[in-house]
């Protein structure tokens, strides 16, 4: 199950909730990146690619390097 608009989750992300179909019990949940359903590792790698995990400074450096 994918949930969007969850408080504390980046608006560009969704929360994936894993439910055991035989019991209906929630087995876990993770923040996902975009509509593709990427799980936490992919989300972290995307952040690394986008801004080197350094915020605006990393984003500007990344853009400059791509130029």
PDB file of N, CA and C in Angstrom:
ATOM      1  N   UNK A   1       0.845  -1.154   0.000  1.00  0.00           N
ATOM      2  CA  UNK A   1       0.000   0.000   0.000  1.00  0.00           C
ATOM      3  C   UNK A   1       0.904   1.234   0.000  1.00  0.00           C
ATOM      4  N   UNK A   2       0.631   2.204  -0.868  1.00  0.00           N
ATOM      5  CA  UNK A   2       1.385   3.444  -0.934  1.00  0.00           C
ATOM      6  C   UNK A   2       0.532   4.580  -0.387  1.00  0.00           C
ATOM      7  N   UNK A   3       1.111   5.371   0.508  1.00  0.00           N
ATOM      8  CA  UNK A   3       0.403   6.500   1.105  1.00  0.00           C
ATOM      9  C   UNK A   3       1.136   7.781   0.747  1.00  0.00           C
ATOM     10  N   UNK A   4       0.403   8.803   0.352  1.00  0.00           N
ATOM     11  CA  UNK A   4       1.012  10.103   0.071  1.00  0.00           C
ATOM     12  C   UNK A   4       0.447  11.129   1.052  1.00  0.00           C
ATOM     13  N   UNK A   5       1.186  12.232   1.204  1.00  0.00           N
ATOM     14  CA  UNK A   5       0.745  13.279   2.120  1.00  0.00           C
ATOM     15  C   UNK A   5       0.898  12.915   3.583  1.00  0.00           C
ATOM     16  N   UNK A   6       1.808  12.004   3.895  1.00  0.00           N
ATOM     17  CA  UNK A   6       2.030  11.565   5.274  1.00  0.00           C
ATOM     18  C   UNK A   6       2.869  12.622   6.004  1.00  0.00           C
ATOM     19  N   UNK A   7       2.432  13.092   7.172  1.00  0.00           N
ATOM     20  CA  UNK A   7       3.225  14.073   7.918  1.00  0.00           C
ATOM     21  C   UNK A   7       4.637  13.539   8.204  1.00  0.00           C
ATOM     22  N   UNK A   8       5.640  14.398   7.988  1.00  0.00           N
ATOM     23  CA  UNK A   8       7.018  14.009   8.238  1.00  0.00           C
ATOM     24  C   UNK A   8       7.707  13.337   7.065  1.00  0.00           C
ATOM     25  N   UNK A   9       6.975  13.113   5.976  1.00  0.00           N
ATOM     26  CA  UNK A   9       7.545  12.495   4.778  1.00  0.00           C
ATOM     27  C   UNK A   9       7.642  13.571   3.700  1.00  0.00           C
ATOM     28  N   UNK A  10       8.790  13.640   3.020  1.00  0.00           N
ATOM     29  CA  UNK A  10       9.008  14.600   1.939  1.00  0.00           C
ATOM     30  C   UNK A  10       7.809  14.571   0.985  1.00  0.00           C
ATOM     31  N   UNK A  11       7.268  15.732   0.599  1.00  0.00           N
ATOM     32  CA  UNK A  11       6.105  15.758  -0.296  1.00  0.00           C
ATOM     33  C   UNK A  11       6.324  15.043  -1.631  1.00  0.00           C
ATOM     34  N   UNK A  12       7.583  14.909  -2.074  1.00  0.00           N
ATOM     35  CA  UNK A  12       7.865  14.193  -3.321  1.00  0.00           C
ATOM     36  C   UNK A  12       7.929  12.683  -3.107  1.00  0.00           C
ATOM     37  N   UNK A  13       7.807  12.246  -1.883  1.00  0.00           N
ATOM     38  CA  UNK A  13       7.924  10.825  -1.560  1.00  0.00           C
ATOM     39  C   UNK A  13       6.581  10.287  -1.076  1.00  0.00           C
ATOM     40  N   UNK A  14       6.488   8.975  -1.008  1.00  0.00           N
ATOM     41  CA  UNK A  14       5.326   8.305  -0.438  1.00  0.00           C
ATOM     42  C   UNK A  14       5.801   7.372   0.662  1.00  0.00           C
ATOM     43  N   UNK A  15       4.884   6.857   1.430  1.00  0.00           N
ATOM     44  CA  UNK A  15       5.195   5.890   2.472  1.00  0.00           C
ATOM     45  C   UNK A  15       4.649   4.550   2.003  1.00  0.00           C
ATOM     46  N   UNK A  16       5.516   3.550   1.893  1.00  0.00           N
ATOM     47  CA  UNK A  16       5.104   2.193   1.527  1.00  0.00           C
ATOM     48  C   UNK A  16       4.852   1.417   2.806  1.00  0.00           C
ATOM     49  N   UNK A  17       3.682   0.828   2.896  1.00  0.00           N
ATOM     50  CA  UNK A  17       3.324   0.022   4.062  1.00  0.00           C
ATOM     51  C   UNK A  17       3.177  -1.423   3.591  1.00  0.00           C
ATOM     52  N   UNK A  18       3.883  -2.323   4.259  1.00  0.00           N
ATOM     53  CA  UNK A  18       3.870  -3.742   3.896  1.00  0.00           C
ATOM     54  C   UNK A  18       2.943  -4.482   4.849  1.00  0.00           C
ATOM     55  N   UNK A  19       1.929  -5.128   4.278  1.00  0.00           N
ATOM     56  CA  UNK A  19       0.899  -5.802   5.056  1.00  0.00           C
ATOM     57  C   UNK A  19       0.905  -7.288   4.719  1.00  0.00           C
ATOM     58  N   UNK A  20       0.870  -8.123   5.755  1.00  0.00           N
ATOM     59  CA  UNK A  20       0.764  -9.570   5.570  1.00  0.00           C
ATOM     60  C   UNK A  20      -0.673  -9.866   5.119  1.00  0.00           C
ATOM     61  N   UNK A  21      -0.860 -10.372   3.885  1.00  0.00           N
ATOM     62  CA  UNK A  21      -2.223 -10.568   3.380  1.00  0.00           C
ATOM     63  C   UNK A  21      -3.019 -11.633   4.129  1.00  0.00           C
ATOM     64  N   UNK A  22      -2.352 -12.557   4.759  1.00  0.00           N
ATOM     65  CA  UNK A  22      -3.100 -13.610   5.454  1.00  0.00           C
ATOM     66  C   UNK A  22      -3.608 -13.173   6.818  1.00  0.00           C
ATOM     67  N   UNK A  23      -2.920 -12.220   7.457  1.00  0.00           N
ATOM     68  CA  UNK A  23      -3.342 -11.777   8.789  1.00  0.00           C
ATOM     69  C   UNK A  23      -3.812 -10.322   8.815  1.00  0.00           C
ATOM     70  N   UNK A  24      -3.442  -9.542   7.793  1.00  0.00           N
ATOM     71  CA  UNK A  24      -3.780  -8.129   7.778  1.00  0.00           C
ATOM     72  C   UNK A  24      -2.872  -7.306   8.682  1.00  0.00           C
ATOM     73  N   UNK A  25      -1.850  -7.939   9.212  1.00  0.00           N
ATOM     74  CA  UNK A  25      -0.925  -7.265  10.127  1.00  0.00           C
ATOM     75  C   UNK A  25       0.121  -6.464   9.362  1.00  0.00           C
ATOM     76  N   UNK A  26       0.396  -5.239   9.820  1.00  0.00           N
ATOM     77  CA  UNK A  26       1.422  -4.403   9.198  1.00  0.00           C
ATOM     78  C   UNK A  26       2.787  -4.961   9.562  1.00  0.00           C
ATOM     79  N   UNK A  27       3.590  -5.256   8.546  1.00  0.00           N
ATOM     80  CA  UNK A  27       4.916  -5.844   8.759  1.00  0.00           C
ATOM     81  C   UNK A  27       6.016  -4.797   8.768  1.00  0.00           C
ATOM     82  N   UNK A  28       5.754  -3.614   8.242  1.00  0.00           N
ATOM     83  CA  UNK A  28       6.750  -2.546   8.233  1.00  0.00           C
ATOM     84  C   UNK A  28       6.351  -1.452   7.274  1.00  0.00           C
ATOM     85  N   UNK A  29       7.126  -0.360   7.297  1.00  0.00           N
ATOM     86  CA  UNK A  29       6.880   0.725   6.357  1.00  0.00           C
ATOM     87  C   UNK A  29       8.184   1.456   6.076  1.00  0.00           C
ATOM     88  N   UNK A  30       8.284   1.986   4.869  1.00  0.00           N
ATOM     89  CA  UNK A  30       9.470   2.704   4.434  1.00  0.00           C
ATOM     90  C   UNK A  30       9.052   3.896   3.591  1.00  0.00           C
ATOM     91  N   UNK A  31       9.886   4.941   3.619  1.00  0.00           N
ATOM     92  CA  UNK A  31       9.678   6.083   2.736  1.00  0.00           C
ATOM     93  C   UNK A  31      10.154   5.688   1.349  1.00  0.00           C
ATOM     94  N   UNK A  32       9.359   6.037   0.323  1.00  0.00           N
ATOM     95  CA  UNK A  32       9.689   5.706  -1.054  1.00  0.00           C
ATOM     96  C   UNK A  32       9.900   6.957  -1.855  1.00  0.00           C
ATOM     97  N   UNK A  33      10.717   6.831  -2.889  1.00  0.00           N
ATOM     98  CA  UNK A  33      11.004   7.935  -3.784  1.00  0.00           C
ATOM     99  C   UNK A  33      10.109   7.871  -5.012  1.00  0.00           C
ATOM    100  N   UNK A  34       9.397   8.940  -5.297  1.00  0.00           N
ATOM    101  CA  UNK A  34       8.634   9.089  -6.525  1.00  0.00           C
ATOM    102  C   UNK A  34       7.580   8.033  -6.773  1.00  0.00           C
ATOM    103  N   UNK A  35       7.098   8.015  -8.007  1.00  0.00           N
ATOM    104  CA  UNK A  35       6.013   7.117  -8.383  1.00  0.00           C
ATOM    105  C   UNK A  35       6.502   5.713  -8.733  1.00  0.00           C
ATOM    106  N   UNK A  36       7.826   5.526  -8.832  1.00  0.00           N
ATOM    107  CA  UNK A  36       8.348   4.222  -9.228  1.00  0.00           C
ATOM    108  C   UNK A  36       8.341   3.227  -8.080  1.00  0.00           C
ATOM    109  N   UNK A  37       8.160   3.702  -6.868  1.00  0.00           N
ATOM    110  CA  UNK A  37       8.137   2.808  -5.723  1.00  0.00           C
ATOM    111  C   UNK A  37       9.507   2.415  -5.229  1.00  0.00           C
ATOM    112  N   UNK A  38      10.502   3.267  -5.446  1.00  0.00           N
ATOM    113  CA  UNK A  38      11.855   2.966  -4.992  1.00  0.00           C
ATOM    114  C   UNK A  38      11.921   2.973  -3.465  1.00  0.00           C
ATOM    115  N   UNK A  39      12.631   2.031  -2.903  1.00  0.00           N
ATOM    116  CA  UNK A  39      12.744   1.914  -1.451  1.00  0.00           C
ATOM    117  C   UNK A  39      13.904   2.742  -0.912  1.00  0.00           C
ATOM    118  N   UNK A  40      14.183   2.709   0.394  1.00  0.00           N
ATOM    119  CA  UNK A  40      15.129   3.633   1.025  1.00  0.00           C
ATOM    120  C   UNK A  40      16.510   3.743   0.387  1.00  0.00           C
ATOM    121  N   UNK A  41      17.120   2.658  -0.040  1.00  0.00           N
ATOM    122  CA  UNK A  41      18.458   2.752  -0.632  1.00  0.00           C
ATOM    123  C   UNK A  41      18.422   3.595  -1.900  1.00  0.00           C
ATOM    124  N   UNK A  42      17.446   3.372  -2.743  1.00  0.00           N
ATOM    125  CA  UNK A  42      17.319   4.152  -3.980  1.00  0.00           C
ATOM    126  C   UNK A  42      17.048   5.613  -3.653  1.00  0.00           C
ATOM    127  N   UNK A  43      16.253   5.883  -2.627  1.00  0.00           N
ATOM    128  CA  UNK A  43      15.972   7.248  -2.202  1.00  0.00           C
ATOM    129  C   UNK A  43      17.262   7.924  -1.750  1.00  0.00           C
ATOM    130  N   UNK A  44      18.092   7.219  -0.984  1.00  0.00           N
ATOM    131  CA  UNK A  44      19.350   7.774  -0.501  1.00  0.00           C
ATOM    132  C   UNK A  44      20.299   8.051  -1.669  1.00  0.00           C
ATOM    133  N   UNK A  45      20.387   7.108  -2.613  1.00  0.00           N
ATOM    134  CA  UNK A  45      21.252   7.288  -3.775  1.00  0.00           C
ATOM    135  C   UNK A  45      20.796   8.479  -4.605  1.00  0.00           C
ATOM    136  N   UNK A  46      19.488   8.654  -4.759  1.00  0.00           N
ATOM    137  CA  UNK A  46      18.978   9.805  -5.495  1.00  0.00           C
ATOM    138  C   UNK A  46      19.397  11.108  -4.819  1.00  0.00           C
ATOM    139  N   UNK A  47      19.315  11.173  -3.496  1.00  0.00           N
ATOM    140  CA  UNK A  47      19.754  12.357  -2.763  1.00  0.00           C
ATOM    141  C   UNK A  47      21.239  12.608  -2.944  1.00  0.00           C
ATOM    142  N   UNK A  48      22.018  11.549  -2.956  1.00  0.00           N
ATOM    143  CA  UNK A  48      23.458  11.662  -3.182  1.00  0.00           C
ATOM    144  C   UNK A  48      23.730  12.226  -4.572  1.00  0.00           C
ATOM    145  N   UNK A  49      22.998  11.730  -5.551  1.00  0.00           N
ATOM    146  CA  UNK A  49      23.171  12.192  -6.926  1.00  0.00           C
ATOM    147  C   UNK A  49      22.738  13.653  -7.077  1.00  0.00           C
ATOM    148  N   UNK A  50      21.644  14.012  -6.409  1.00  0.00           N
ATOM    149  CA  UNK A  50      21.079  15.348  -6.566  1.00  0.00           C
ATOM    150  C   UNK A  50      21.896  16.421  -5.864  1.00  0.00           C
ATOM    151  N   UNK A  51      22.320  16.170  -4.616  1.00  0.00           N
ATOM    152  CA  UNK A  51      22.981  17.244  -3.859  1.00  0.00           C
ATOM    153  C   UNK A  51      24.130  16.770  -2.978  1.00  0.00           C
ATOM    154  N   UNK A  52      24.652  15.571  -3.270  1.00  0.00           N
ATOM    155  CA  UNK A  52      25.781  14.999  -2.518  1.00  0.00           C
ATOM    156  C   UNK A  52      25.501  14.917  -1.019  1.00  0.00           C
ATOM    157  N   UNK A  53      24.218  14.944  -0.655  1.00  0.00           N
ATOM    158  CA  UNK A  53      23.770  14.900   0.750  1.00  0.00           C
ATOM    159  C   UNK A  53      24.306  16.104   1.520  1.00  0.00           C
ATOM    160  N   UNK A  54      24.546  17.250   0.824  1.00  0.00           N
ATOM    161  CA  UNK A  54      25.084  18.451   1.452  1.00  0.00           C
ATOM    162  C   UNK A  54      24.139  19.642   1.351  1.00  0.00           C
ATOM    163  N   UNK A  55      22.894  19.414   0.979  1.00  0.00           N
ATOM    164  CA  UNK A  55      21.935  20.505   0.886  1.00  0.00           C
ATOM    165  C   UNK A  55      22.190  21.383  -0.332  1.00  0.00           C
ATOM    166  N   UNK A  56      21.918  22.693  -0.186  1.00  0.00           N
ATOM    167  CA  UNK A  56      22.046  23.620  -1.313  1.00  0.00           C
ATOM    168  C   UNK A  56      23.469  23.695  -1.855  1.00  0.00           C
ATOM    169  N   UNK A  57      24.462  23.670  -0.978  1.00  0.00           N
ATOM    170  CA  UNK A  57      25.857  23.724  -1.427  1.00  0.00           C
ATOM    171  C   UNK A  57      26.167  22.542  -2.343  1.00  0.00           C
ATOM    172  N   UNK A  58      25.757  21.359  -1.946  1.00  0.00           N
ATOM    173  CA  UNK A  58      25.977  20.166  -2.765  1.00  0.00           C
ATOM    174  C   UNK A  58      25.209  20.216  -4.063  1.00  0.00           C
ATOM    175  N   UNK A  59      23.987  20.757  -4.021  1.00  0.00           N
ATOM    176  CA  UNK A  59      23.184  20.874  -5.242  1.00  0.00           C
ATOM    177  C   UNK A  59      23.863  21.811  -6.230  1.00  0.00           C
ATOM    178  N   UNK A  60      24.346  22.952  -5.736  1.00  0.00           N
ATOM    179  CA  UNK A  60      25.031  23.901  -6.624  1.00  0.00           C
ATOM    180  C   UNK A  60      26.301  23.291  -7.207  1.00  0.00           C
ATOM    181  N   UNK A  61      27.065  22.578  -6.376  1.00  0.00           N
ATOM    182  CA  UNK A  61      28.288  21.917  -6.857  1.00  0.00           C
ATOM    183  C   UNK A  61      27.937  20.874  -7.924  1.00  0.00           C
ATOM    184  N   UNK A  62      26.900  20.099  -7.658  1.00  0.00           N
ATOM    185  CA  UNK A  62      26.479  19.064  -8.599  1.00  0.00           C
ATOM    186  C   UNK A  62      26.075  19.673  -9.938  1.00  0.00           C
ATOM    187  N   UNK A  63      25.325  20.775  -9.899  1.00  0.00           N
ATOM    188  CA  UNK A  63      24.925  21.453 -11.127  1.00  0.00           C
ATOM    189  C   UNK A  63      26.122  22.014 -11.881  1.00  0.00           C
ATOM    190  N   UNK A  64      27.072  22.591 -11.146  1.00  0.00           N
ATOM    191  CA  UNK A  64      28.278  23.130 -11.765  1.00  0.00           C
ATOM    192  C   UNK A  64      29.092  22.008 -12.423  1.00  0.00           C
ATOM    193  N   UNK A  65      29.234  20.894 -11.737  1.00  0.00           N
ATOM    194  CA  UNK A  65      29.990  19.763 -12.279  1.00  0.00           C
ATOM    195  C   UNK A  65      29.299  19.191 -13.523  1.00  0.00           C
ATOM    196  N   UNK A  66      27.979  19.179 -13.535  1.00  0.00           N
ATOM    197  CA  UNK A  66      27.253  18.663 -14.688  1.00  0.00           C
ATOM    198  C   UNK A  66      27.379  19.588 -15.889  1.00  0.00           C
ATOM    199  N   UNK A  67      27.629  20.859 -15.612  1.00  0.00           N
ATOM    200  CA  UNK A  67      27.760  21.822 -16.704  1.00  0.00           C
ATOM    201  C   UNK A  67      29.069  21.633 -17.403  1.00  0.00           C
TER     202      UNK A  67
END
